[in-house]
Amino acid sequence: MILLPVVAWTAATVPELTAAPLHHYCPDHEPVISDRYAAAVDWTVCRDSAEGHRLDPRAVQQICVHLQAMRTPKAQAVHAALLQLTGTP
């Protein structure tokens, strides 16, 4: 079992991403849940950037903690992009 955050990617906001409830999932469901969270992060950051909103560094840090724990290529790619976007080493 793995503990992962759960969000509805179509309604995600940065506060929802950082405060997403954590649930236990079996290894079979881990890729789907991880990729759903990564897609929510990707979509939210793109939407907020297009609307001119700045990312809160503390929120980015919390999102990165969630993404870093995920093992799917999509989650790792979004994590790397988010670090690059914010200039975090």
PDB file of N, CA and C in Angstrom:
ATOM      1  N   MET A   1       0.842  -1.177   0.000  1.00  0.00           N
ATOM      2  CA  MET A   1       0.000   0.000   0.000  1.00  0.00           C
ATOM      3  C   MET A   1       0.889   1.243   0.000  1.00  0.00           C
ATOM      4  N   ILE A   2       0.432   2.250  -0.726  1.00  0.00           N
ATOM      5  CA  ILE A   2       1.143   3.522  -0.805  1.00  0.00           C
ATOM      6  C   ILE A   2       0.170   4.649  -0.512  1.00  0.00           C
ATOM      7  N   LEU A   3       0.658   5.680   0.140  1.00  0.00           N
ATOM      8  CA  LEU A   3      -0.156   6.832   0.500  1.00  0.00           C
ATOM      9  C   LEU A   3       0.002   7.904  -0.578  1.00  0.00           C
ATOM     10  N   LEU A   4      -1.106   8.270  -1.237  1.00  0.00           N
ATOM     11  CA  LEU A   4      -1.075   9.239  -2.338  1.00  0.00           C
ATOM     12  C   LEU A   4      -2.164  10.291  -2.168  1.00  0.00           C
ATOM     13  N   PRO A   5      -1.888  11.517  -2.643  1.00  0.00           N
ATOM     14  CA  PRO A   5      -2.923  12.561  -2.606  1.00  0.00           C
ATOM     15  C   PRO A   5      -3.950  12.324  -3.708  1.00  0.00           C
ATOM     16  N   VAL A   6      -5.171  12.749  -3.444  1.00  0.00           N
ATOM     17  CA  VAL A   6      -6.254  12.563  -4.405  1.00  0.00           C
ATOM     18  C   VAL A   6      -6.900  13.907  -4.706  1.00  0.00           C
ATOM     19  N   VAL A   7      -6.981  14.251  -6.001  1.00  0.00           N
ATOM     20  CA  VAL A   7      -7.657  15.476  -6.435  1.00  0.00           C
ATOM     21  C   VAL A   7      -8.445  15.188  -7.706  1.00  0.00           C
ATOM     22  N   ALA A   8      -9.446  16.006  -7.942  1.00  0.00           N
ATOM     23  CA  ALA A   8     -10.154  15.973  -9.226  1.00  0.00           C
ATOM     24  C   ALA A   8      -9.422  16.952 -10.128  1.00  0.00           C
ATOM     25  N   TRP A   9      -8.756  16.452 -11.147  1.00  0.00           N
ATOM     26  CA  TRP A   9      -7.865  17.305 -11.944  1.00  0.00           C
ATOM     27  C   TRP A   9      -8.575  18.431 -12.658  1.00  0.00           C
ATOM     28  N   THR A  10      -9.853  18.278 -12.917  1.00  0.00           N
ATOM     29  CA  THR A  10     -10.568  19.330 -13.643  1.00  0.00           C
ATOM     30  C   THR A  10     -10.950  20.506 -12.761  1.00  0.00           C
ATOM     31  N   ALA A  11     -10.919  20.316 -11.451  1.00  0.00           N
ATOM     32  CA  ALA A  11     -11.326  21.387 -10.544  1.00  0.00           C
ATOM     33  C   ALA A  11     -10.191  21.798  -9.619  1.00  0.00           C
ATOM     34  N   ALA A  12      -8.978  21.407  -9.924  1.00  0.00           N
ATOM     35  CA  ALA A  12      -7.861  21.641  -9.029  1.00  0.00           C
ATOM     36  C   ALA A  12      -7.459  23.111  -8.963  1.00  0.00           C
ATOM     37  N   THR A  13      -7.171  23.545  -7.761  1.00  0.00           N
ATOM     38  CA  THR A  13      -6.548  24.837  -7.517  1.00  0.00           C
ATOM     39  C   THR A  13      -5.272  24.536  -6.751  1.00  0.00           C
ATOM     40  N   VAL A  14      -4.367  25.499  -6.675  1.00  0.00           N
ATOM     41  CA  VAL A  14      -3.129  25.261  -5.931  1.00  0.00           C
ATOM     42  C   VAL A  14      -3.432  24.888  -4.475  1.00  0.00           C
ATOM     43  N   PRO A  15      -4.338  25.590  -3.785  1.00  0.00           N
ATOM     44  CA  PRO A  15      -4.653  25.160  -2.416  1.00  0.00           C
ATOM     45  C   PRO A  15      -5.209  23.735  -2.342  1.00  0.00           C
ATOM     46  N   GLU A  16      -6.018  23.343  -3.335  1.00  0.00           N
ATOM     47  CA  GLU A  16      -6.539  21.966  -3.350  1.00  0.00           C
ATOM     48  C   GLU A  16      -5.411  20.956  -3.560  1.00  0.00           C
ATOM     49  N   LEU A  17      -4.449  21.321  -4.392  1.00  0.00           N
ATOM     50  CA  LEU A  17      -3.325  20.414  -4.641  1.00  0.00           C
ATOM     51  C   LEU A  17      -2.477  20.228  -3.395  1.00  0.00           C
ATOM     52  N   THR A  18      -2.249  21.317  -2.660  1.00  0.00           N
ATOM     53  CA  THR A  18      -1.397  21.214  -1.474  1.00  0.00           C
ATOM     54  C   THR A  18      -2.110  20.545  -0.310  1.00  0.00           C
ATOM     55  N   ALA A  19      -3.418  20.688  -0.260  1.00  0.00           N
ATOM     56  CA  ALA A  19      -4.183  20.120   0.845  1.00  0.00           C
ATOM     57  C   ALA A  19      -4.925  18.843   0.463  1.00  0.00           C
ATOM     58  N   ALA A  20      -4.533  18.239  -0.636  1.00  0.00           N
ATOM     59  CA  ALA A  20      -5.223  17.032  -1.103  1.00  0.00           C
ATOM     60  C   ALA A  20      -5.182  15.949  -0.028  1.00  0.00           C
ATOM     61  N   PRO A  21      -6.318  15.317   0.227  1.00  0.00           N
ATOM     62  CA  PRO A  21      -6.329  14.245   1.227  1.00  0.00           C
ATOM     63  C   PRO A  21      -5.499  13.057   0.739  1.00  0.00           C
ATOM     64  N   LEU A  22      -4.849  12.407   1.672  1.00  0.00           N
ATOM     65  CA  LEU A  22      -4.032  11.240   1.352  1.00  0.00           C
ATOM     66  C   LEU A  22      -4.817   9.966   1.622  1.00  0.00           C
ATOM     67  N   HIS A  23      -4.730   9.033   0.684  1.00  0.00           N
ATOM     68  CA  HIS A  23      -5.401   7.743   0.817  1.00  0.00           C
ATOM     69  C   HIS A  23      -4.414   6.637   0.486  1.00  0.00           C
ATOM     70  N   HIS A  24      -4.650   5.473   1.060  1.00  0.00           N
ATOM     71  CA  HIS A  24      -3.808   4.314   0.756  1.00  0.00           C
ATOM     72  C   HIS A  24      -4.315   3.628  -0.509  1.00  0.00           C
ATOM     73  N   TYR A  25      -3.366   3.268  -1.374  1.00  0.00           N
ATOM     74  CA  TYR A  25      -3.699   2.563  -2.607  1.00  0.00           C
ATOM     75  C   TYR A  25      -2.787   1.364  -2.779  1.00  0.00           C
ATOM     76  N   CYS A  26      -3.308   0.345  -3.433  1.00  0.00           N
ATOM     77  CA  CYS A  26      -2.504  -0.829  -3.747  1.00  0.00           C
ATOM     78  C   CYS A  26      -1.608  -0.495  -4.939  1.00  0.00           C
ATOM     79  N   PRO A  27      -0.549  -1.264  -5.154  1.00  0.00           N
ATOM     80  CA  PRO A  27       0.366  -0.985  -6.271  1.00  0.00           C
ATOM     81  C   PRO A  27      -0.318  -0.956  -7.637  1.00  0.00           C
ATOM     82  N   ASP A  28      -1.410  -1.693  -7.803  1.00  0.00           N
ATOM     83  CA  ASP A  28      -2.111  -1.702  -9.086  1.00  0.00           C
ATOM     84  C   ASP A  28      -2.726  -0.338  -9.413  1.00  0.00           C
ATOM     85  N   HIS A  29      -3.168   0.398  -8.405  1.00  0.00           N
ATOM     86  CA  HIS A  29      -3.817   1.690  -8.626  1.00  0.00           C
ATOM     87  C   HIS A  29      -2.861   2.872  -8.533  1.00  0.00           C
ATOM     88  N   GLU A  30      -1.661   2.641  -8.045  1.00  0.00           N
ATOM     89  CA  GLU A  30      -0.695   3.722  -7.875  1.00  0.00           C
ATOM     90  C   GLU A  30      -0.438   4.519  -9.161  1.00  0.00           C
ATOM     91  N   PRO A  31      -0.197   3.869 -10.310  1.00  0.00           N
ATOM     92  CA  PRO A  31       0.074   4.649 -11.523  1.00  0.00           C
ATOM     93  C   PRO A  31      -1.082   5.567 -11.933  1.00  0.00           C
ATOM     94  N   VAL A  32      -2.291   5.100 -11.804  1.00  0.00           N
ATOM     95  CA  VAL A  32      -3.455   5.905 -12.204  1.00  0.00           C
ATOM     96  C   VAL A  32      -3.608   7.115 -11.298  1.00  0.00           C
ATOM     97  N   ILE A  33      -3.507   6.906 -10.001  1.00  0.00           N
ATOM     98  CA  ILE A  33      -3.673   7.999  -9.044  1.00  0.00           C
ATOM     99  C   ILE A  33      -2.520   8.989  -9.166  1.00  0.00           C
ATOM    100  N   SER A  34      -1.303   8.478  -9.319  1.00  0.00           N
ATOM    101  CA  SER A  34      -0.138   9.354  -9.470  1.00  0.00           C
ATOM    102  C   SER A  34      -0.238  10.202 -10.730  1.00  0.00           C
ATOM    103  N   ASP A  35      -0.607   9.576 -11.825  1.00  0.00           N
ATOM    104  CA  ASP A  35      -0.721  10.318 -13.079  1.00  0.00           C
ATOM    105  C   ASP A  35      -1.875  11.322 -13.043  1.00  0.00           C
ATOM    106  N   ARG A  36      -2.940  11.002 -12.335  1.00  0.00           N
ATOM    107  CA  ARG A  36      -4.065  11.930 -12.200  1.00  0.00           C
ATOM    108  C   ARG A  36      -3.615  13.178 -11.420  1.00  0.00           C
ATOM    109  N   TYR A  37      -2.864  12.970 -10.344  1.00  0.00           N
ATOM    110  CA  TYR A  37      -2.369  14.100  -9.564  1.00  0.00           C
ATOM    111  C   TYR A  37      -1.395  14.926 -10.404  1.00  0.00           C
ATOM    112  N   ALA A  38      -0.489  14.266 -11.118  1.00  0.00           N
ATOM    113  CA  ALA A  38       0.480  14.965 -11.967  1.00  0.00           C
ATOM    114  C   ALA A  38      -0.245  15.782 -13.043  1.00  0.00           C
ATOM    115  N   ALA A  39      -1.284  15.231 -13.631  1.00  0.00           N
ATOM    116  CA  ALA A  39      -2.061  15.957 -14.642  1.00  0.00           C
ATOM    117  C   ALA A  39      -2.739  17.175 -14.019  1.00  0.00           C
ATOM    118  N   ALA A  40      -3.236  17.027 -12.799  1.00  0.00           N
ATOM    119  CA  ALA A  40      -3.865  18.157 -12.109  1.00  0.00           C
ATOM    120  C   ALA A  40      -2.860  19.269 -11.862  1.00  0.00           C
ATOM    121  N   VAL A  41      -1.656  18.899 -11.444  1.00  0.00           N
ATOM    122  CA  VAL A  41      -0.614  19.896 -11.216  1.00  0.00           C
ATOM    123  C   VAL A  41      -0.270  20.602 -12.526  1.00  0.00           C
ATOM    124  N   ASP A  42      -0.050  19.824 -13.560  1.00  0.00           N
ATOM    125  CA  ASP A  42       0.304  20.374 -14.868  1.00  0.00           C
ATOM    126  C   ASP A  42      -0.762  21.352 -15.355  1.00  0.00           C
ATOM    127  N   TRP A  43      -2.004  20.917 -15.324  1.00  0.00           N
ATOM    128  CA  TRP A  43      -3.115  21.740 -15.802  1.00  0.00           C
ATOM    129  C   TRP A  43      -3.268  23.003 -14.961  1.00  0.00           C
ATOM    130  N   THR A  44      -3.174  22.884 -13.648  1.00  0.00           N
ATOM    131  CA  THR A  44      -3.361  24.015 -12.748  1.00  0.00           C
ATOM    132  C   THR A  44      -2.261  25.054 -12.925  1.00  0.00           C
ATOM    133  N   VAL A  45      -1.009  24.594 -13.009  1.00  0.00           N
ATOM    134  CA  VAL A  45       0.108  25.527 -13.182  1.00  0.00           C
ATOM    135  C   VAL A  45       0.006  26.239 -14.529  1.00  0.00           C
ATOM    136  N   CYS A  46      -0.330  25.502 -15.572  1.00  0.00           N
ATOM    137  CA  CYS A  46      -0.486  26.130 -16.893  1.00  0.00           C
ATOM    138  C   CYS A  46      -1.614  27.148 -16.885  1.00  0.00           C
ATOM    139  N   ARG A  47      -2.742  26.798 -16.319  1.00  0.00           N
ATOM    140  CA  ARG A  47      -3.897  27.706 -16.262  1.00  0.00           C
ATOM    141  C   ARG A  47      -3.560  28.948 -15.441  1.00  0.00           C
ATOM    142  N   ASP A  48      -2.962  28.741 -14.265  1.00  0.00           N
ATOM    143  CA  ASP A  48      -2.632  29.878 -13.410  1.00  0.00           C
ATOM    144  C   ASP A  48      -1.597  30.792 -14.063  1.00  0.00           C
ATOM    145  N   SER A  49      -0.626  30.203 -14.743  1.00  0.00           N
ATOM    146  CA  SER A  49       0.386  31.008 -15.442  1.00  0.00           C
ATOM    147  C   SER A  49      -0.256  31.823 -16.553  1.00  0.00           C
ATOM    148  N   ALA A  50      -1.156  31.211 -17.297  1.00  0.00           N
ATOM    149  CA  ALA A  50      -1.841  31.910 -18.386  1.00  0.00           C
ATOM    150  C   ALA A  50      -2.687  33.068 -17.856  1.00  0.00           C
ATOM    151  N   GLU A  51      -3.197  32.914 -16.644  1.00  0.00           N
ATOM    152  CA  GLU A  51      -4.012  33.960 -16.030  1.00  0.00           C
ATOM    153  C   GLU A  51      -3.174  34.980 -15.268  1.00  0.00           C
ATOM    154  N   GLY A  52      -1.858  34.805 -15.284  1.00  0.00           N
ATOM    155  CA  GLY A  52      -0.965  35.756 -14.643  1.00  0.00           C
ATOM    156  C   GLY A  52      -0.770  35.576 -13.154  1.00  0.00           C
ATOM    157  N   HIS A  53      -1.183  34.432 -12.609  1.00  0.00           N
ATOM    158  CA  HIS A  53      -1.012  34.178 -11.174  1.00  0.00           C
ATOM    159  C   HIS A  53       0.404  33.679 -10.889  1.00  0.00           C
ATOM    160  N   ARG A  54       0.959  34.142  -9.793  1.00  0.00           N
ATOM    161  CA  ARG A  54       2.287  33.682  -9.373  1.00  0.00           C
ATOM    162  C   ARG A  54       2.136  32.464  -8.469  1.00  0.00           C
ATOM    163  N   LEU A  55       3.138  31.591  -8.525  1.00  0.00           N
ATOM    164  CA  LEU A  55       3.123  30.400  -7.680  1.00  0.00           C
ATOM    165  C   LEU A  55       3.700  30.722  -6.309  1.00  0.00           C
ATOM    166  N   ASP A  56       3.017  30.310  -5.283  1.00  0.00           N
ATOM    167  CA  ASP A  56       3.499  30.460  -3.921  1.00  0.00           C
ATOM    168  C   ASP A  56       4.603  29.431  -3.687  1.00  0.00           C
ATOM    169  N   PRO A  57       5.814  29.850  -3.303  1.00  0.00           N
ATOM    170  CA  PRO A  57       6.913  28.906  -3.109  1.00  0.00           C
ATOM    171  C   PRO A  57       6.604  27.795  -2.097  1.00  0.00           C
ATOM    172  N   ARG A  58       5.848  28.110  -1.054  1.00  0.00           N
ATOM    173  CA  ARG A  58       5.494  27.071  -0.069  1.00  0.00           C
ATOM    174  C   ARG A  58       4.543  26.049  -0.679  1.00  0.00           C
ATOM    175  N   ALA A  59       3.633  26.513  -1.508  1.00  0.00           N
ATOM    176  CA  ALA A  59       2.709  25.594  -2.177  1.00  0.00           C
ATOM    177  C   ALA A  59       3.470  24.706  -3.149  1.00  0.00           C
ATOM    178  N   VAL A  60       4.401  25.302  -3.886  1.00  0.00           N
ATOM    179  CA  VAL A  60       5.214  24.520  -4.824  1.00  0.00           C
ATOM    180  C   VAL A  60       6.008  23.453  -4.068  1.00  0.00           C
ATOM    181  N   GLN A  61       6.555  23.828  -2.933  1.00  0.00           N
ATOM    182  CA  GLN A  61       7.324  22.863  -2.141  1.00  0.00           C
ATOM    183  C   GLN A  61       6.449  21.685  -1.710  1.00  0.00           C
ATOM    184  N   GLN A  62       5.233  21.961  -1.264  1.00  0.00           N
ATOM    185  CA  GLN A  62       4.334  20.881  -0.836  1.00  0.00           C
ATOM    186  C   GLN A  62       3.932  20.003  -2.018  1.00  0.00           C
ATOM    187  N   ILE A  63       3.646  20.610  -3.151  1.00  0.00           N
ATOM    188  CA  ILE A  63       3.304  19.837  -4.343  1.00  0.00           C
ATOM    189  C   ILE A  63       4.479  18.964  -4.759  1.00  0.00           C
ATOM    190  N   CYS A  64       5.686  19.523  -4.690  1.00  0.00           N
ATOM    191  CA  CYS A  64       6.880  18.753  -5.048  1.00  0.00           C
ATOM    192  C   CYS A  64       7.084  17.564  -4.125  1.00  0.00           C
ATOM    193  N   VAL A  65       6.761  17.721  -2.851  1.00  0.00           N
ATOM    194  CA  VAL A  65       6.857  16.597  -1.910  1.00  0.00           C
ATOM    195  C   VAL A  65       5.941  15.474  -2.365  1.00  0.00           C
ATOM    196  N   HIS A  66       4.714  15.827  -2.755  1.00  0.00           N
ATOM    197  CA  HIS A  66       3.776  14.810  -3.248  1.00  0.00           C
ATOM    198  C   HIS A  66       4.314  14.146  -4.519  1.00  0.00           C
ATOM    199  N   LEU A  67       4.745  14.964  -5.475  1.00  0.00           N
ATOM    200  CA  LEU A  67       5.209  14.426  -6.760  1.00  0.00           C
ATOM    201  C   LEU A  67       6.464  13.579  -6.612  1.00  0.00           C
ATOM    202  N   GLN A  68       7.357  13.987  -5.737  1.00  0.00           N
ATOM    203  CA  GLN A  68       8.615  13.272  -5.563  1.00  0.00           C
ATOM    204  C   GLN A  68       8.395  11.852  -5.055  1.00  0.00           C
ATOM    205  N   ALA A  69       7.320  11.646  -4.314  1.00  0.00           N
ATOM    206  CA  ALA A  69       7.019  10.317  -3.777  1.00  0.00           C
ATOM    207  C   ALA A  69       6.401   9.390  -4.827  1.00  0.00           C
ATOM    208  N   MET A  70       6.001   9.952  -5.950  1.00  0.00           N
ATOM    209  CA  MET A  70       5.349   9.165  -6.998  1.00  0.00           C
ATOM    210  C   MET A  70       6.386   8.618  -7.973  1.00  0.00           C
ATOM    211  N   ARG A  71       6.141   7.400  -8.432  1.00  0.00           N
ATOM    212  CA  ARG A  71       7.153   6.721  -9.248  1.00  0.00           C
ATOM    213  C   ARG A  71       6.848   6.663 -10.730  1.00  0.00           C
ATOM    214  N   THR A  72       5.776   7.265 -11.168  1.00  0.00           N
ATOM    215  CA  THR A  72       5.460   7.172 -12.594  1.00  0.00           C
ATOM    216  C   THR A  72       6.293   8.188 -13.379  1.00  0.00           C
ATOM    217  N   PRO A  73       6.588   7.881 -14.633  1.00  0.00           N
ATOM    218  CA  PRO A  73       7.343   8.831 -15.457  1.00  0.00           C
ATOM    219  C   PRO A  73       6.650  10.194 -15.579  1.00  0.00           C
ATOM    220  N   LYS A  74       5.326  10.190 -15.674  1.00  0.00           N
ATOM    221  CA  LYS A  74       4.590  11.454 -15.795  1.00  0.00           C
ATOM    222  C   LYS A  74       4.769  12.300 -14.538  1.00  0.00           C
ATOM    223  N   ALA A  75       4.626  11.694 -13.376  1.00  0.00           N
ATOM    224  CA  ALA A  75       4.784  12.432 -12.120  1.00  0.00           C
ATOM    225  C   ALA A  75       6.207  12.967 -11.984  1.00  0.00           C
ATOM    226  N   GLN A  76       7.179  12.171 -12.346  1.00  0.00           N
ATOM    227  CA  GLN A  76       8.572  12.613 -12.261  1.00  0.00           C
ATOM    228  C   GLN A  76       8.855  13.739 -13.251  1.00  0.00           C
ATOM    229  N   ALA A  77       8.260  13.676 -14.437  1.00  0.00           N
ATOM    230  CA  ALA A  77       8.449  14.737 -15.437  1.00  0.00           C
ATOM    231  C   ALA A  77       7.814  16.046 -14.978  1.00  0.00           C
ATOM    232  N   VAL A  78       6.618  15.967 -14.408  1.00  0.00           N
ATOM    233  CA  VAL A  78       5.953  17.174 -13.911  1.00  0.00           C
ATOM    234  C   VAL A  78       6.739  17.743 -12.740  1.00  0.00           C
ATOM    235  N   HIS A  79       7.264  16.882 -11.886  1.00  0.00           N
ATOM    236  CA  HIS A  79       8.089  17.317 -10.760  1.00  0.00           C
ATOM    237  C   HIS A  79       9.315  18.076 -11.278  1.00  0.00           C
ATOM    238  N   ALA A  80      10.009  17.511 -12.237  1.00  0.00           N
ATOM    239  CA  ALA A  80      11.200  18.152 -12.809  1.00  0.00           C
ATOM    240  C   ALA A  80      10.853  19.475 -13.470  1.00  0.00           C
ATOM    241  N   ALA A  81       9.750  19.522 -14.193  1.00  0.00           N
ATOM    242  CA  ALA A  81       9.327  20.769 -14.856  1.00  0.00           C
ATOM    243  C   ALA A  81       8.975  21.844 -13.836  1.00  0.00           C
ATOM    244  N   LEU A  82       8.320  21.446 -12.770  1.00  0.00           N
ATOM    245  CA  LEU A  82       7.941  22.401 -11.739  1.00  0.00           C
ATOM    246  C   LEU A  82       9.182  22.970 -11.056  1.00  0.00           C
ATOM    247  N   LEU A  83      10.158  22.123 -10.792  1.00  0.00           N
ATOM    248  CA  LEU A  83      11.415  22.599 -10.207  1.00  0.00           C
ATOM    249  C   LEU A  83      12.111  23.568 -11.142  1.00  0.00           C
ATOM    250  N   GLN A  84      12.128  23.251 -12.425  1.00  0.00           N
ATOM    251  CA  GLN A  84      12.780  24.112 -13.413  1.00  0.00           C
ATOM    252  C   GLN A  84      12.017  25.440 -13.544  1.00  0.00           C
ATOM    253  N   LEU A  85      10.712  25.361 -13.552  1.00  0.00           N
ATOM    254  CA  LEU A  85       9.886  26.554 -13.695  1.00  0.00           C
ATOM    255  C   LEU A  85      10.103  27.525 -12.530  1.00  0.00           C
ATOM    256  N   THR A  86      10.287  26.985 -11.350  1.00  0.00           N
ATOM    257  CA  THR A  86      10.436  27.831 -10.165  1.00  0.00           C
ATOM    258  C   THR A  86      11.894  28.142  -9.857  1.00  0.00           C
ATOM    259  N   GLY A  87      12.821  27.577 -10.643  1.00  0.00           N
ATOM    260  CA  GLY A  87      14.233  27.819 -10.419  1.00  0.00           C
ATOM    261  C   GLY A  87      14.793  27.109  -9.216  1.00  0.00           C
ATOM    262  N   THR A  88      14.122  26.051  -8.778  1.00  0.00           N
ATOM    263  CA  THR A  88      14.588  25.274  -7.635  1.00  0.00           C
ATOM    264  C   THR A  88      15.579  24.224  -8.109  1.00  0.00           C
ATOM    265  N   PRO A  89      16.723  24.138  -7.446  1.00  0.00           N
ATOM    266  CA  PRO A  89      17.708  23.121  -7.881  1.00  0.00           C
ATOM    267  C   PRO A  89      17.289  21.710  -7.547  1.00  0.00           C
TER     268      PRO A  89
END
